Amino acid sequence: MPKKIRILAFAGSARNDSWNKKLVRIAAKGARAAGAEVTNLDLADYPMPIYDGDLEATEGQPDNAKRLKTLMINNHGFLIASPEYNSGYSPLLKNTLDWVSRPVPEEPSLLAFAGKVTALMSASPGTLGGLRGLAQLRQVLSNIQVLVLPGQVTVPSAQNLFKTNGSLEDEKKQEETIQLGATLTHVLRKLDS
């Protein structure tokens, strides 16, 4: 029997009613339906100071960065939704990646990221749906040795597209997001075989 595929799903937003939190939950449903064990994570539950090398030198890695790192190490892949701020991905997500990627003595480099697989998505009020921010995020993740799936989901005019139950008004976009989660699960299963 093949081992259980474990996926960590999170958004680069701390906002309670975040469109990206809703979007990543839709993708998580697709991953679960494809047989993955998915852990939904809220980065707002893991506050950390802005990365600062001097702070790291004097105080070490924050406890929340250590907790996140352990979660990331214990999962095979990630579903990540990021809002777009001024044509870039979110500072919350950047800070998380910066802290979790820091080297630790006696530990392989980029332990939480190297060899992981991720699927990206974004919901934005803009007409491009966060596409520019995802391009930057894709580049950073690739640089820290994460395999980023070529397919992604963008949801433009997001302020008008979510129902009160968190699903998307646009059924085609809803299915595309569900399929993104399923695709990540299938890719991880193939890589594991």
N, C-alpha and C. Protein backbone atom coordinates (compact mmCIF):
# COMPACT_ATOMS: atom_id res chain seq x y z
N MET A 1 0.85 -1.19 0.00
CA MET A 1 0.00 0.00 0.00
C MET A 1 0.89 1.24 0.00
N PRO A 2 0.63 2.20 -0.93
CA PRO A 2 1.49 3.39 -1.00
C PRO A 2 1.32 4.26 0.25
N LYS A 3 2.39 4.97 0.59
CA LYS A 3 2.30 5.82 1.78
C LYS A 3 1.39 7.00 1.53
N LYS A 4 0.87 7.55 2.59
CA LYS A 4 -0.05 8.67 2.51
C LYS A 4 0.70 9.92 2.05
N ILE A 5 0.16 10.60 1.08
CA ILE A 5 0.72 11.87 0.61
C ILE A 5 0.24 12.96 1.56
N ARG A 6 1.18 13.72 2.11
CA ARG A 6 0.86 14.79 3.07
C ARG A 6 1.15 16.15 2.44
N ILE A 7 0.15 17.02 2.49
CA ILE A 7 0.25 18.35 1.88
C ILE A 7 -0.10 19.41 2.92
N LEU A 8 0.69 20.47 2.94
CA LEU A 8 0.45 21.62 3.80
C LEU A 8 -0.16 22.72 2.93
N ALA A 9 -1.34 23.22 3.32
CA ALA A 9 -2.04 24.24 2.54
C ALA A 9 -2.11 25.53 3.34
N PHE A 10 -1.64 26.62 2.73
CA PHE A 10 -1.67 27.90 3.45
C PHE A 10 -1.69 29.07 2.47
N ALA A 11 -2.10 30.21 3.01
CA ALA A 11 -2.16 31.45 2.24
C ALA A 11 -1.19 32.46 2.82
N GLY A 12 -0.66 33.32 1.97
CA GLY A 12 0.25 34.37 2.42
C GLY A 12 -0.50 35.60 2.88
N SER A 13 -1.56 35.38 3.63
CA SER A 13 -2.39 36.47 4.13
C SER A 13 -2.77 36.19 5.58
N ALA A 14 -2.79 37.24 6.38
CA ALA A 14 -3.21 37.10 7.78
C ALA A 14 -4.66 37.55 7.97
N ARG A 15 -5.25 38.14 6.94
CA ARG A 15 -6.60 38.69 7.03
C ARG A 15 -7.63 37.58 7.28
N ASN A 16 -8.53 37.80 8.23
CA ASN A 16 -9.54 36.79 8.58
C ASN A 16 -10.38 36.35 7.39
N ASP A 17 -10.86 37.30 6.60
CA ASP A 17 -11.75 36.98 5.50
C ASP A 17 -10.99 36.98 4.16
N SER A 18 -9.76 36.54 4.19
CA SER A 18 -8.88 36.54 3.02
C SER A 18 -9.44 35.70 1.87
N TRP A 19 -9.43 36.26 0.68
CA TRP A 19 -9.83 35.51 -0.51
C TRP A 19 -8.85 34.37 -0.75
N ASN A 20 -7.59 34.60 -0.45
CA ASN A 20 -6.59 33.56 -0.69
C ASN A 20 -6.72 32.40 0.28
N LYS A 21 -7.14 32.67 1.51
CA LYS A 21 -7.42 31.57 2.43
C LYS A 21 -8.59 30.73 1.90
N LYS A 22 -9.59 31.40 1.37
CA LYS A 22 -10.73 30.67 0.79
C LYS A 22 -10.28 29.85 -0.42
N LEU A 23 -9.45 30.46 -1.26
CA LEU A 23 -9.00 29.79 -2.48
C LEU A 23 -8.18 28.54 -2.16
N VAL A 24 -7.26 28.64 -1.21
CA VAL A 24 -6.42 27.48 -0.89
C VAL A 24 -7.25 26.36 -0.24
N ARG A 25 -8.33 26.72 0.44
CA ARG A 25 -9.21 25.69 1.01
C ARG A 25 -9.93 24.91 -0.10
N ILE A 26 -10.26 25.60 -1.19
CA ILE A 26 -10.89 24.91 -2.32
C ILE A 26 -9.91 23.91 -2.93
N ALA A 27 -8.66 24.34 -3.14
CA ALA A 27 -7.64 23.44 -3.68
C ALA A 27 -7.39 22.27 -2.74
N ALA A 28 -7.44 22.53 -1.44
CA ALA A 28 -7.23 21.46 -0.44
C ALA A 28 -8.32 20.39 -0.57
N LYS A 29 -9.54 20.80 -0.89
CA LYS A 29 -10.61 19.82 -1.09
C LYS A 29 -10.27 18.88 -2.24
N GLY A 30 -9.72 19.44 -3.31
CA GLY A 30 -9.32 18.62 -4.45
C GLY A 30 -8.21 17.65 -4.10
N ALA A 31 -7.25 18.11 -3.29
CA ALA A 31 -6.15 17.24 -2.86
C ALA A 31 -6.68 16.11 -1.98
N ARG A 32 -7.59 16.44 -1.07
CA ARG A 32 -8.17 15.41 -0.20
C ARG A 32 -8.97 14.39 -1.02
N ALA A 33 -9.75 14.89 -1.98
CA ALA A 33 -10.55 13.99 -2.81
C ALA A 33 -9.66 13.05 -3.62
N ALA A 34 -8.44 13.48 -3.92
CA ALA A 34 -7.48 12.65 -4.66
C ALA A 34 -6.70 11.72 -3.72
N GLY A 35 -6.96 11.80 -2.42
CA GLY A 35 -6.36 10.87 -1.48
C GLY A 35 -5.27 11.42 -0.58
N ALA A 36 -5.00 12.72 -0.65
CA ALA A 36 -3.95 13.30 0.20
C ALA A 36 -4.48 13.61 1.59
N GLU A 37 -3.56 13.62 2.53
CA GLU A 37 -3.84 14.11 3.88
C GLU A 37 -3.40 15.57 3.88
N VAL A 38 -4.34 16.48 4.05
CA VAL A 38 -4.04 17.91 3.93
C VAL A 38 -4.18 18.59 5.29
N THR A 39 -3.17 19.36 5.64
CA THR A 39 -3.21 20.18 6.85
C THR A 39 -3.36 21.64 6.42
N ASN A 40 -4.47 22.25 6.83
CA ASN A 40 -4.66 23.68 6.56
C ASN A 40 -3.95 24.47 7.65
N LEU A 41 -3.18 25.43 7.25
CA LEU A 41 -2.36 26.21 8.15
C LEU A 41 -2.69 27.68 7.96
N ASP A 42 -2.78 28.43 9.04
CA ASP A 42 -3.00 29.87 8.99
C ASP A 42 -1.74 30.55 9.49
N LEU A 43 -1.04 31.26 8.62
CA LEU A 43 0.20 31.92 9.02
C LEU A 43 -0.02 32.97 10.11
N ALA A 44 -1.25 33.45 10.27
CA ALA A 44 -1.54 34.41 11.34
C ALA A 44 -1.34 33.77 12.72
N ASP A 45 -1.37 32.44 12.77
CA ASP A 45 -1.16 31.73 14.03
C ASP A 45 0.32 31.56 14.37
N TYR A 46 1.19 32.03 13.47
CA TYR A 46 2.64 31.89 13.65
C TYR A 46 3.34 33.23 13.48
N PRO A 47 3.03 34.21 14.32
CA PRO A 47 3.65 35.54 14.14
C PRO A 47 5.16 35.48 14.39
N MET A 48 5.88 36.23 13.55
CA MET A 48 7.34 36.30 13.67
C MET A 48 7.80 37.72 13.37
N PRO A 49 8.92 38.13 13.94
CA PRO A 49 9.45 39.44 13.58
C PRO A 49 9.94 39.43 12.13
N ILE A 50 10.09 40.60 11.55
CA ILE A 50 10.68 40.70 10.22
C ILE A 50 12.09 40.10 10.29
N TYR A 51 12.45 39.31 9.27
CA TYR A 51 13.77 38.68 9.31
C TYR A 51 14.86 39.75 9.42
N ASP A 52 15.79 39.51 10.32
CA ASP A 52 16.92 40.41 10.58
C ASP A 52 18.09 39.54 11.01
N GLY A 53 19.18 39.60 10.26
CA GLY A 53 20.35 38.79 10.57
C GLY A 53 20.92 39.04 11.95
N ASP A 54 20.87 40.29 12.43
CA ASP A 54 21.36 40.59 13.77
C ASP A 54 20.48 39.94 14.83
N LEU A 55 19.17 39.99 14.61
CA LEU A 55 18.23 39.35 15.54
C LEU A 55 18.46 37.84 15.56
N GLU A 56 18.67 37.27 14.39
CA GLU A 56 18.94 35.83 14.31
C GLU A 56 20.23 35.49 15.06
N ALA A 57 21.24 36.33 14.92
CA ALA A 57 22.53 36.07 15.58
C ALA A 57 22.43 36.14 17.10
N THR A 58 21.60 37.06 17.61
CA THR A 58 21.51 37.21 19.06
C THR A 58 20.46 36.31 19.71
N GLU A 59 19.35 36.06 19.00
CA GLU A 59 18.24 35.31 19.59
C GLU A 59 17.95 33.98 18.92
N GLY A 60 18.56 33.74 17.77
CA GLY A 60 18.28 32.51 17.04
C GLY A 60 16.96 32.58 16.28
N GLN A 61 16.57 31.46 15.76
CA GLN A 61 15.34 31.37 14.99
C GLN A 61 14.13 31.45 15.94
N PRO A 62 13.11 32.25 15.60
CA PRO A 62 11.92 32.31 16.46
C PRO A 62 11.26 30.93 16.60
N ASP A 63 10.62 30.71 17.74
CA ASP A 63 9.94 29.43 17.98
C ASP A 63 8.92 29.12 16.90
N ASN A 64 8.19 30.14 16.43
CA ASN A 64 7.19 29.89 15.39
C ASN A 64 7.83 29.49 14.07
N ALA A 65 9.00 30.00 13.77
CA ALA A 65 9.72 29.57 12.56
C ALA A 65 10.12 28.10 12.70
N LYS A 66 10.53 27.71 13.89
CA LYS A 66 10.90 26.30 14.13
C LYS A 66 9.67 25.40 13.97
N ARG A 67 8.53 25.84 14.48
CA ARG A 67 7.30 25.05 14.36
C ARG A 67 6.89 24.89 12.89
N LEU A 68 6.95 26.01 12.16
CA LEU A 68 6.61 25.97 10.73
C LEU A 68 7.57 25.07 9.97
N LYS A 69 8.83 25.17 10.30
CA LYS A 69 9.84 24.34 9.63
C LYS A 69 9.54 22.86 9.84
N THR A 70 9.21 22.48 11.06
CA THR A 70 8.87 21.09 11.35
C THR A 70 7.66 20.65 10.53
N LEU A 71 6.64 21.50 10.45
CA LEU A 71 5.46 21.17 9.64
C LEU A 71 5.83 20.99 8.18
N MET A 72 6.66 21.88 7.67
CA MET A 72 7.05 21.80 6.26
C MET A 72 7.90 20.56 5.98
N ILE A 73 8.79 20.24 6.89
CA ILE A 73 9.62 19.04 6.73
C ILE A 73 8.75 17.80 6.68
N ASN A 74 7.70 17.76 7.49
CA ASN A 74 6.85 16.58 7.61
C ASN A 74 5.77 16.46 6.55
N ASN A 75 5.79 17.33 5.55
CA ASN A 75 4.85 17.25 4.44
C ASN A 75 5.61 17.08 3.13
N HIS A 76 4.96 16.45 2.17
CA HIS A 76 5.60 16.19 0.88
C HIS A 76 5.49 17.39 -0.07
N GLY A 77 4.43 18.16 0.09
CA GLY A 77 4.21 19.28 -0.82
C GLY A 77 3.38 20.36 -0.18
N PHE A 78 3.22 21.45 -0.94
CA PHE A 78 2.51 22.63 -0.45
C PHE A 78 1.49 23.12 -1.46
N LEU A 79 0.35 23.55 -0.97
CA LEU A 79 -0.60 24.36 -1.73
C LEU A 79 -0.46 25.76 -1.17
N ILE A 80 -0.07 26.72 -2.01
CA ILE A 80 0.18 28.08 -1.53
C ILE A 80 -0.65 29.07 -2.35
N ALA A 81 -1.41 29.90 -1.63
CA ALA A 81 -2.15 31.00 -2.26
C ALA A 81 -1.57 32.30 -1.73
N SER A 82 -1.24 33.20 -2.63
CA SER A 82 -0.66 34.46 -2.18
C SER A 82 -1.40 35.65 -2.76
N PRO A 83 -1.75 36.60 -1.91
CA PRO A 83 -2.28 37.85 -2.45
C PRO A 83 -1.16 38.59 -3.18
N GLU A 84 -1.54 39.55 -3.99
CA GLU A 84 -0.56 40.37 -4.69
C GLU A 84 -0.58 41.77 -4.10
N TYR A 85 0.58 42.22 -3.64
CA TYR A 85 0.72 43.57 -3.09
C TYR A 85 1.69 44.34 -3.98
N ASN A 86 1.19 45.39 -4.62
CA ASN A 86 2.03 46.22 -5.50
C ASN A 86 2.82 45.38 -6.48
N SER A 87 2.15 44.44 -7.12
CA SER A 87 2.71 43.57 -8.16
C SER A 87 3.68 42.52 -7.65
N GLY A 88 3.73 42.31 -6.35
CA GLY A 88 4.61 41.28 -5.78
C GLY A 88 3.82 40.39 -4.84
N TYR A 89 4.45 39.28 -4.42
CA TYR A 89 3.76 38.41 -3.48
C TYR A 89 3.86 39.01 -2.07
N SER A 90 3.11 38.46 -1.15
CA SER A 90 2.90 39.12 0.14
C SER A 90 4.15 39.12 1.03
N PRO A 91 4.34 40.20 1.81
CA PRO A 91 5.46 40.26 2.74
C PRO A 91 5.36 39.20 3.84
N LEU A 92 4.16 38.81 4.23
CA LEU A 92 4.00 37.74 5.22
C LEU A 92 4.60 36.44 4.70
N LEU A 93 4.32 36.12 3.46
CA LEU A 93 4.85 34.90 2.87
C LEU A 93 6.37 35.00 2.69
N LYS A 94 6.85 36.14 2.27
CA LYS A 94 8.30 36.34 2.11
C LYS A 94 9.02 36.16 3.44
N ASN A 95 8.49 36.76 4.49
CA ASN A 95 9.11 36.64 5.81
C ASN A 95 9.11 35.19 6.30
N THR A 96 8.03 34.48 6.04
CA THR A 96 7.94 33.07 6.42
C THR A 96 9.02 32.26 5.71
N LEU A 97 9.13 32.45 4.40
CA LEU A 97 10.15 31.72 3.63
C LEU A 97 11.55 32.07 4.11
N ASP A 98 11.78 33.34 4.40
CA ASP A 98 13.10 33.78 4.85
C ASP A 98 13.49 33.11 6.17
N TRP A 99 12.59 33.13 7.15
CA TRP A 99 12.92 32.53 8.45
C TRP A 99 13.07 31.01 8.36
N VAL A 100 12.14 30.35 7.68
CA VAL A 100 12.17 28.89 7.63
C VAL A 100 13.36 28.37 6.83
N SER A 101 13.84 29.15 5.89
CA SER A 101 14.96 28.70 5.05
C SER A 101 16.33 28.89 5.69
N ARG A 102 16.39 29.54 6.84
CA ARG A 102 17.69 29.82 7.46
C ARG A 102 18.41 28.53 7.84
N PRO A 103 19.72 28.48 7.57
CA PRO A 103 20.49 27.27 7.89
C PRO A 103 20.63 27.05 9.39
N VAL A 104 20.65 25.79 9.74
CA VAL A 104 20.83 25.38 11.14
C VAL A 104 22.03 24.42 11.16
N PRO A 105 22.95 24.58 12.10
CA PRO A 105 24.10 23.67 12.16
C PRO A 105 23.65 22.20 12.23
N GLU A 106 24.41 21.34 11.59
CA GLU A 106 24.17 19.89 11.59
C GLU A 106 22.87 19.50 10.87
N GLU A 107 22.37 20.38 10.02
CA GLU A 107 21.13 20.10 9.30
C GLU A 107 21.38 20.34 7.80
N PRO A 108 20.85 19.48 6.93
CA PRO A 108 21.02 19.73 5.49
C PRO A 108 20.44 21.08 5.09
N SER A 109 21.07 21.71 4.13
CA SER A 109 20.61 23.01 3.64
C SER A 109 19.19 22.92 3.07
N LEU A 110 18.38 23.90 3.38
CA LEU A 110 17.01 24.02 2.86
C LEU A 110 16.16 22.77 3.12
N LEU A 111 16.34 22.19 4.28
CA LEU A 111 15.66 20.94 4.64
C LEU A 111 14.14 21.01 4.48
N ALA A 112 13.55 22.15 4.78
CA ALA A 112 12.09 22.27 4.70
C ALA A 112 11.59 22.44 3.27
N PHE A 113 12.50 22.73 2.33
CA PHE A 113 12.08 23.07 0.97
C PHE A 113 12.64 22.16 -0.12
N ALA A 114 13.89 21.74 0.00
CA ALA A 114 14.54 20.98 -1.08
C ALA A 114 13.76 19.71 -1.40
N GLY A 115 13.39 19.57 -2.66
CA GLY A 115 12.68 18.38 -3.10
C GLY A 115 11.18 18.40 -2.89
N LYS A 116 10.65 19.46 -2.28
CA LYS A 116 9.20 19.56 -2.10
C LYS A 116 8.58 19.99 -3.42
N VAL A 117 7.28 19.74 -3.55
CA VAL A 117 6.53 20.12 -4.75
C VAL A 117 5.40 21.03 -4.31
N THR A 118 5.15 22.08 -5.10
CA THR A 118 4.10 23.01 -4.72
C THR A 118 3.24 23.40 -5.91
N ALA A 119 2.01 23.77 -5.60
CA ALA A 119 1.08 24.35 -6.58
C ALA A 119 0.71 25.73 -6.07
N LEU A 120 0.68 26.69 -6.99
CA LEU A 120 0.45 28.09 -6.63
C LEU A 120 -0.89 28.60 -7.14
N MET A 121 -1.42 29.56 -6.39
CA MET A 121 -2.68 30.21 -6.78
C MET A 121 -2.74 31.59 -6.16
N SER A 122 -3.59 32.42 -6.72
CA SER A 122 -3.76 33.77 -6.18
C SER A 122 -5.14 34.30 -6.51
N ALA A 123 -5.71 35.02 -5.56
CA ALA A 123 -6.97 35.74 -5.77
C ALA A 123 -6.68 37.21 -5.49
N SER A 124 -7.11 38.06 -6.39
CA SER A 124 -6.78 39.48 -6.28
C SER A 124 -7.92 40.33 -6.84
N PRO A 125 -8.08 41.56 -6.34
CA PRO A 125 -9.10 42.42 -6.92
C PRO A 125 -8.70 42.94 -8.30
N GLY A 126 -7.44 42.80 -8.68
CA GLY A 126 -6.95 43.28 -9.98
C GLY A 126 -7.40 42.41 -11.13
N THR A 127 -7.15 42.91 -12.33
CA THR A 127 -7.59 42.20 -13.54
C THR A 127 -6.70 41.01 -13.89
N LEU A 128 -5.50 40.93 -13.32
CA LEU A 128 -4.61 39.81 -13.60
C LEU A 128 -4.69 38.71 -12.54
N GLY A 129 -5.44 38.93 -11.48
CA GLY A 129 -5.65 37.90 -10.48
C GLY A 129 -4.44 37.51 -9.67
N GLY A 130 -3.45 38.40 -9.58
CA GLY A 130 -2.26 38.09 -8.80
C GLY A 130 -1.15 37.44 -9.60
N LEU A 131 -1.27 37.42 -10.90
CA LEU A 131 -0.31 36.76 -11.77
C LEU A 131 1.12 37.26 -11.61
N ARG A 132 1.30 38.57 -11.46
CA ARG A 132 2.66 39.12 -11.34
C ARG A 132 3.33 38.67 -10.04
N GLY A 133 2.59 38.62 -8.96
CA GLY A 133 3.14 38.15 -7.70
C GLY A 133 3.51 36.68 -7.76
N LEU A 134 2.70 35.88 -8.45
CA LEU A 134 3.01 34.45 -8.56
C LEU A 134 4.28 34.21 -9.35
N ALA A 135 4.55 35.05 -10.35
CA ALA A 135 5.78 34.90 -11.13
C ALA A 135 7.00 35.08 -10.22
N GLN A 136 6.94 36.07 -9.33
CA GLN A 136 8.05 36.29 -8.40
C GLN A 136 8.15 35.15 -7.39
N LEU A 137 7.02 34.71 -6.87
CA LEU A 137 7.01 33.62 -5.90
C LEU A 137 7.57 32.34 -6.51
N ARG A 138 7.19 32.07 -7.74
CA ARG A 138 7.70 30.89 -8.46
C ARG A 138 9.23 30.93 -8.54
N GLN A 139 9.77 32.10 -8.83
CA GLN A 139 11.22 32.26 -8.94
C GLN A 139 11.92 31.99 -7.60
N VAL A 140 11.37 32.56 -6.53
CA VAL A 140 11.97 32.37 -5.20
C VAL A 140 11.89 30.91 -4.77
N LEU A 141 10.75 30.28 -4.95
CA LEU A 141 10.59 28.88 -4.56
C LEU A 141 11.53 27.98 -5.35
N SER A 142 11.66 28.23 -6.63
CA SER A 142 12.59 27.45 -7.45
C SER A 142 14.02 27.61 -6.95
N ASN A 143 14.37 28.80 -6.53
CA ASN A 143 15.72 29.08 -6.03
C ASN A 143 16.02 28.33 -4.72
N ILE A 144 14.97 28.05 -3.92
CA ILE A 144 15.19 27.30 -2.68
C ILE A 144 14.85 25.81 -2.88
N GLN A 145 14.93 25.39 -4.13
CA GLN A 145 14.87 23.98 -4.53
C GLN A 145 13.49 23.33 -4.39
N VAL A 146 12.44 24.14 -4.50
CA VAL A 146 11.08 23.61 -4.54
C VAL A 146 10.69 23.44 -6.00
N LEU A 147 10.12 22.30 -6.33
CA LEU A 147 9.59 22.07 -7.67
C LEU A 147 8.20 22.69 -7.74
N VAL A 148 8.04 23.68 -8.59
CA VAL A 148 6.75 24.38 -8.71
C VAL A 148 6.04 23.86 -9.94
N LEU A 149 4.82 23.36 -9.76
CA LEU A 149 4.05 22.84 -10.89
C LEU A 149 3.80 23.95 -11.90
N PRO A 150 3.82 23.62 -13.20
CA PRO A 150 3.61 24.67 -14.21
C PRO A 150 2.20 25.26 -14.18
N GLY A 151 1.20 24.46 -13.86
CA GLY A 151 -0.17 24.98 -13.79
C GLY A 151 -0.39 25.77 -12.52
N GLN A 152 -1.20 26.81 -12.62
CA GLN A 152 -1.54 27.62 -11.45
C GLN A 152 -2.93 28.20 -11.67
N VAL A 153 -3.50 28.77 -10.62
CA VAL A 153 -4.83 29.38 -10.71
C VAL A 153 -4.73 30.83 -10.30
N THR A 154 -5.33 31.70 -11.09
CA THR A 154 -5.46 33.11 -10.71
C THR A 154 -6.94 33.48 -10.77
N VAL A 155 -7.36 34.24 -9.78
CA VAL A 155 -8.76 34.66 -9.70
C VAL A 155 -8.80 36.19 -9.69
N PRO A 156 -9.07 36.81 -10.85
CA PRO A 156 -9.19 38.27 -10.90
C PRO A 156 -10.54 38.72 -10.35
N SER A 157 -10.62 39.99 -9.98
CA SER A 157 -11.86 40.57 -9.44
C SER A 157 -12.42 39.71 -8.32
N ALA A 158 -11.54 39.25 -7.44
CA ALA A 158 -11.91 38.30 -6.40
C ALA A 158 -12.98 38.83 -5.45
N GLN A 159 -13.05 40.14 -5.27
CA GLN A 159 -14.03 40.71 -4.36
C GLN A 159 -15.46 40.40 -4.78
N ASN A 160 -15.65 40.01 -6.05
CA ASN A 160 -16.99 39.72 -6.56
C ASN A 160 -17.24 38.22 -6.79
N LEU A 161 -16.25 37.38 -6.54
CA LEU A 161 -16.36 36.00 -7.00
C LEU A 161 -16.54 34.93 -5.93
N PHE A 162 -16.48 35.28 -4.65
CA PHE A 162 -16.64 34.26 -3.62
C PHE A 162 -18.04 34.28 -3.03
N LYS A 163 -18.64 33.11 -2.92
CA LYS A 163 -19.94 32.97 -2.27
C LYS A 163 -19.74 33.02 -0.76
N THR A 164 -20.81 33.16 -0.02
CA THR A 164 -20.71 33.22 1.44
C THR A 164 -20.18 31.92 2.04
N ASN A 165 -20.33 30.80 1.33
CA ASN A 165 -19.82 29.51 1.82
C ASN A 165 -18.35 29.29 1.48
N GLY A 166 -17.71 30.27 0.82
CA GLY A 166 -16.28 30.18 0.49
C GLY A 166 -15.97 29.61 -0.88
N SER A 167 -16.97 29.11 -1.57
CA SER A 167 -16.73 28.58 -2.92
C SER A 167 -16.77 29.74 -3.93
N LEU A 168 -16.38 29.44 -5.16
CA LEU A 168 -16.34 30.47 -6.20
C LEU A 168 -17.64 30.50 -7.00
N GLU A 169 -18.09 31.68 -7.34
CA GLU A 169 -19.27 31.85 -8.19
C GLU A 169 -19.04 31.21 -9.56
N ASP A 170 -17.85 31.37 -10.09
CA ASP A 170 -17.47 30.85 -11.40
C ASP A 170 -17.19 29.35 -11.27
N GLU A 171 -18.10 28.52 -11.77
CA GLU A 171 -17.96 27.07 -11.60
C GLU A 171 -16.72 26.53 -12.30
N LYS A 172 -16.37 27.11 -13.43
CA LYS A 172 -15.17 26.66 -14.15
C LYS A 172 -13.91 26.95 -13.32
N LYS A 173 -13.86 28.13 -12.71
CA LYS A 173 -12.71 28.49 -11.87
C LYS A 173 -12.69 27.64 -10.60
N GLN A 174 -13.85 27.33 -10.05
CA GLN A 174 -13.95 26.45 -8.88
C GLN A 174 -13.35 25.08 -9.22
N GLU A 175 -13.75 24.53 -10.36
CA GLU A 175 -13.26 23.21 -10.76
C GLU A 175 -11.76 23.25 -11.06
N GLU A 176 -11.31 24.32 -11.67
CA GLU A 176 -9.87 24.47 -11.96
C GLU A 176 -9.04 24.46 -10.67
N THR A 177 -9.58 25.10 -9.63
CA THR A 177 -8.88 25.17 -8.34
C THR A 177 -8.88 23.80 -7.65
N ILE A 178 -10.02 23.12 -7.69
CA ILE A 178 -10.10 21.77 -7.14
C ILE A 178 -9.11 20.86 -7.87
N GLN A 179 -9.05 20.98 -9.19
CA GLN A 179 -8.16 20.15 -9.99
C GLN A 179 -6.69 20.44 -9.69
N LEU A 180 -6.37 21.68 -9.36
CA LEU A 180 -4.99 22.01 -9.01
C LEU A 180 -4.54 21.21 -7.78
N GLY A 181 -5.40 21.14 -6.78
CA GLY A 181 -5.08 20.34 -5.59
C GLY A 181 -4.95 18.86 -5.92
N ALA A 182 -5.83 18.36 -6.78
CA ALA A 182 -5.76 16.96 -7.19
C ALA A 182 -4.48 16.69 -7.98
N THR A 183 -4.11 17.61 -8.85
CA THR A 183 -2.91 17.44 -9.66
C THR A 183 -1.66 17.37 -8.78
N LEU A 184 -1.58 18.23 -7.77
CA LEU A 184 -0.44 18.17 -6.86
C LEU A 184 -0.37 16.80 -6.20
N THR A 185 -1.50 16.27 -5.77
CA THR A 185 -1.53 14.94 -5.15
C THR A 185 -1.04 13.87 -6.10
N HIS A 186 -1.52 13.91 -7.35
CA HIS A 186 -1.13 12.90 -8.35
C HIS A 186 0.37 12.98 -8.65
N VAL A 187 0.90 14.18 -8.78
CA VAL A 187 2.33 14.35 -9.05
C VAL A 187 3.16 13.80 -7.89
N LEU A 188 2.77 14.15 -6.67
CA LEU A 188 3.49 13.65 -5.51
C LEU A 188 3.44 12.13 -5.43
N ARG A 189 2.31 11.54 -5.76
CA ARG A 189 2.19 10.09 -5.73
C ARG A 189 3.12 9.45 -6.75
N LYS A 190 3.19 10.04 -7.96
CA LYS A 190 4.07 9.50 -9.01
C LYS A 190 5.54 9.63 -8.60
N LEU A 191 5.89 10.74 -7.99
CA LEU A 191 7.27 10.93 -7.56
C LEU A 191 7.65 9.97 -6.44
N ASP A 192 6.65 9.54 -5.67
CA ASP A 192 6.89 8.63 -4.54
C ASP A 192 6.99 7.17 -4.98
N SER A 193 6.51 6.88 -6.18
CA SER A 193 6.49 5.47 -6.60
C SER A 193 7.82 4.99 -7.17
